[in-house]
């Protein structure tokens, strides 16, 4: 007499989200590029609500430059909305400085603010969710790992025009593909 045995004894592991200290850091230029690559727009209220449901973050931080503002349109309305709806927004104006010795210099990069804020928060985090895809962020992820912070990166990867570099994709612990966000978060242009 033969008895069937179910050898799959792996325990069901509950999500760590309610117990992890998580923060979301959004480099708006990177987020807008990701959405544009797949021909969509982001509903920031739905994004916030989705991430709260999935990860229960303690903070949402967004970083924007004036240059991005001119590319996106009415960014000041979005920034004001974000500031009143749970996002801490850091803004930096890009300025062009004339030079007698060559082409004009552009100063005012939000990347430094982004990296400094992430590292300042790292001491009290278990998990950082980064909407940032430049390979310049690889050292940031390595520094977070040295502080035992798990890193999830969000964006578009695996296409000819990815918003997330290979280096960032490989360095991150997890990846959130824009294409996999619920339709309420990533919408067609006419749906917002």
Protein backbone atom coordinates (compact mmCIF):
# COMPACT_ATOMS: atom_id res chain seq x y z
CA UNK A 1 0.00 0.00 0.00
CA UNK A 2 1.48 3.26 -1.14
CA UNK A 3 0.75 6.54 0.51
CA UNK A 4 1.12 9.87 -1.20
CA UNK A 5 3.27 12.30 0.75
CA UNK A 6 3.32 16.03 0.15
CA UNK A 7 7.00 16.91 0.47
CA UNK A 8 6.43 20.64 0.12
CA UNK A 9 6.91 21.61 3.74
CA UNK A 10 8.12 25.15 3.14
CA UNK A 11 6.43 27.48 5.58
CA UNK A 12 4.34 30.36 4.37
CA UNK A 13 6.37 33.45 5.16
CA UNK A 14 4.23 36.48 5.98
CA UNK A 15 5.13 39.83 4.50
CA UNK A 16 7.66 41.75 6.56
CA UNK A 17 6.10 45.07 5.53
CA UNK A 18 4.16 45.74 8.76
CA UNK A 19 7.32 45.15 10.81
CA UNK A 20 9.94 46.80 8.63
CA UNK A 21 10.84 50.45 8.92
CA UNK A 22 10.44 51.53 5.29
CA UNK A 23 10.85 54.85 3.49
CA UNK A 24 10.13 55.83 -0.12
CA UNK A 25 12.50 58.16 -1.99
CA UNK A 26 11.29 59.44 -5.38
CA UNK A 27 13.64 61.15 -7.81
CA UNK A 28 10.88 62.76 -9.88
CA UNK A 29 12.93 63.01 -13.08
CA UNK A 30 13.55 59.25 -12.92
CA UNK A 31 9.89 58.51 -12.15
CA UNK A 32 8.66 60.70 -15.02
CA UNK A 33 11.15 59.06 -17.39
CA UNK A 34 9.95 55.60 -16.36
CA UNK A 35 6.31 56.51 -16.93
CA UNK A 36 7.09 58.16 -20.27
CA UNK A 37 8.99 55.08 -21.48
CA UNK A 38 5.84 52.97 -21.17
CA UNK A 39 3.54 55.76 -22.39
CA UNK A 40 1.79 56.28 -19.04
CA UNK A 41 1.27 58.81 -16.28
CA UNK A 42 1.50 58.34 -12.52
CA UNK A 43 -1.41 58.99 -10.17
CA UNK A 44 0.51 60.09 -7.07
CA UNK A 45 -2.41 59.55 -4.69
CA UNK A 46 -2.80 55.97 -5.92
CA UNK A 47 0.98 55.44 -5.83
CA UNK A 48 1.08 56.57 -2.20
CA UNK A 49 -1.91 54.40 -1.27
CA UNK A 50 -0.51 51.35 -3.09
CA UNK A 51 2.89 51.65 -1.39
CA UNK A 52 1.23 52.13 2.01
CA UNK A 53 -0.78 48.95 1.46
CA UNK A 54 2.21 46.92 0.28
CA UNK A 55 5.07 48.30 2.40
CA UNK A 56 3.67 50.60 5.10
CA UNK A 57 6.40 53.26 4.70
CA UNK A 58 6.92 55.85 7.42
CA UNK A 59 7.83 58.60 4.96
CA UNK A 60 7.53 59.60 1.32
CA UNK A 61 10.20 61.96 -0.01
CA UNK A 62 10.24 63.46 -3.51
CA UNK A 63 13.07 65.37 -5.21
CA UNK A 64 12.57 67.75 -8.14
CA UNK A 65 14.57 70.32 -10.11
CA UNK A 66 13.25 73.34 -11.96
CA UNK A 67 14.50 71.79 -15.21
CA UNK A 68 12.18 68.83 -14.62
CA UNK A 69 9.39 71.29 -13.90
CA UNK A 70 9.70 72.85 -17.34
CA UNK A 71 9.61 69.39 -18.97
CA UNK A 72 6.55 68.14 -17.09
CA UNK A 73 4.31 71.18 -17.29
CA UNK A 74 2.45 72.34 -14.22
CA UNK A 75 4.85 70.83 -11.69
CA UNK A 76 4.16 73.54 -9.10
CA UNK A 77 0.59 72.29 -8.74
CA UNK A 78 1.84 68.72 -8.35
CA UNK A 79 4.48 69.79 -5.81
CA UNK A 80 1.88 71.70 -3.78
CA UNK A 81 -0.48 68.71 -3.89
CA UNK A 82 2.33 66.35 -2.82
CA UNK A 83 3.33 68.61 0.07
CA UNK A 84 -0.27 68.59 1.36
CA UNK A 85 -0.80 64.86 0.86
CA UNK A 86 1.95 63.07 2.71
CA UNK A 87 5.05 63.73 0.59
CA UNK A 88 8.07 65.67 1.83
CA UNK A 89 9.28 67.53 -1.28
CA UNK A 90 12.82 68.81 -1.81
CA UNK A 91 13.22 71.28 -4.68
CA UNK A 92 16.38 72.59 -6.31
CA UNK A 93 16.63 75.23 -8.98
CA UNK A 94 19.07 74.64 -11.80
CA UNK A 95 20.93 77.77 -12.79
CA UNK A 96 23.10 78.49 -15.79
CA UNK A 97 26.31 80.35 -14.99
CA UNK A 98 28.04 82.18 -17.85
CA UNK A 99 31.74 81.53 -18.24
CA UNK A 100 34.45 83.54 -19.94
CA UNK A 101 36.48 80.36 -20.44
CA UNK A 102 34.09 78.00 -22.16
CA UNK A 103 30.49 76.94 -22.37
CA UNK A 104 28.06 77.99 -19.65
CA UNK A 105 27.96 75.77 -16.55
CA UNK A 106 24.72 74.35 -15.17
CA UNK A 107 24.61 74.07 -11.38
CA UNK A 108 21.95 72.72 -9.05
CA UNK A 109 21.73 68.94 -9.09
CA UNK A 110 19.09 67.25 -6.93
CA UNK A 111 21.01 63.94 -6.91
CA UNK A 112 23.20 65.08 -4.01
CA UNK A 113 20.16 66.03 -1.91
CA UNK A 114 18.61 62.66 -2.74
CA UNK A 115 21.69 60.66 -1.69
CA UNK A 116 22.32 62.66 1.49
CA UNK A 117 18.71 62.32 2.65
CA UNK A 118 18.66 58.58 1.96
CA UNK A 119 21.85 58.10 3.98
CA UNK A 120 20.62 60.30 6.84
CA UNK A 121 17.48 58.18 7.08
CA UNK A 122 19.36 54.88 6.70
CA UNK A 123 20.23 54.57 10.38
CA UNK A 124 16.55 54.11 11.22
CA UNK A 125 15.49 52.01 8.20
CA UNK A 126 15.19 48.35 7.33
CA UNK A 127 14.01 48.97 3.77
CA UNK A 128 14.44 51.82 1.27
CA UNK A 129 12.34 52.03 -1.88
CA UNK A 130 14.13 54.14 -4.49
CA UNK A 131 12.59 55.59 -7.64
CA UNK A 132 16.03 56.24 -9.10
CA UNK A 133 17.78 54.51 -11.95
CA UNK A 134 21.10 56.19 -12.75
CA UNK A 135 24.20 54.05 -12.37
CA UNK A 136 25.52 56.87 -10.15
CA UNK A 137 23.24 55.44 -7.45
CA UNK A 138 25.11 52.13 -7.27
CA UNK A 139 27.42 53.43 -4.53
CA UNK A 140 24.37 54.65 -2.61
CA UNK A 141 22.85 51.15 -2.70
CA UNK A 142 26.17 49.62 -1.62
CA UNK A 143 26.33 52.05 1.32
CA UNK A 144 22.76 51.14 2.30
CA UNK A 145 23.65 47.44 2.20
CA UNK A 146 26.61 48.08 4.53
CA UNK A 147 24.04 49.50 6.96
CA UNK A 148 21.85 46.41 6.55
CA UNK A 149 19.14 48.28 4.66
CA UNK A 150 17.26 46.28 2.04
CA UNK A 151 16.84 48.24 -1.22
CA UNK A 152 14.01 48.03 -3.72
CA UNK A 153 14.35 50.02 -6.95
CA UNK A 154 11.36 51.01 -9.09
CA UNK A 155 11.41 51.81 -12.79
CA UNK A 156 11.54 50.31 -16.27
CA UNK A 157 14.18 47.67 -16.97
CA UNK A 158 14.92 45.17 -19.71
CA UNK A 159 13.98 47.37 -22.66
CA UNK A 160 16.20 49.24 -25.08
CA UNK A 161 15.35 52.49 -23.29
CA UNK A 162 15.36 51.37 -19.64
CA UNK A 163 15.08 53.98 -16.89
CA UNK A 164 17.09 51.76 -14.55
CA UNK A 165 20.72 51.01 -15.35
CA UNK A 166 22.11 47.47 -15.29
CA UNK A 167 24.31 48.40 -12.33
CA UNK A 168 21.36 49.62 -10.24
CA UNK A 169 19.21 46.64 -11.21
CA UNK A 170 21.94 44.20 -10.14
CA UNK A 171 22.77 46.05 -6.92
CA UNK A 172 19.17 46.26 -5.68
CA UNK A 173 17.62 43.51 -3.55
CA UNK A 174 14.25 43.81 -5.28
CA UNK A 175 12.82 45.51 -8.34
CA UNK A 176 9.37 47.03 -8.86
CA UNK A 177 8.59 47.17 -12.58
CA UNK A 178 6.40 50.10 -13.58
CA UNK A 179 4.55 47.80 -15.94
CA UNK A 180 3.47 45.68 -12.94
CA UNK A 181 1.96 48.50 -10.89
CA UNK A 182 -1.85 48.35 -10.67
CA UNK A 183 -3.71 50.27 -13.42
CA UNK A 184 -4.93 52.75 -10.80
CA UNK A 185 -1.31 53.84 -10.21
CA UNK A 186 0.11 53.88 -13.73
CA UNK A 187 -2.54 55.27 -16.05
CA UNK A 188 -2.99 56.16 -19.68
CA UNK A 189 -2.64 59.88 -20.34
CA UNK A 190 -6.39 60.41 -20.77
CA UNK A 191 -7.26 58.62 -17.52
CA UNK A 192 -5.86 61.25 -15.15
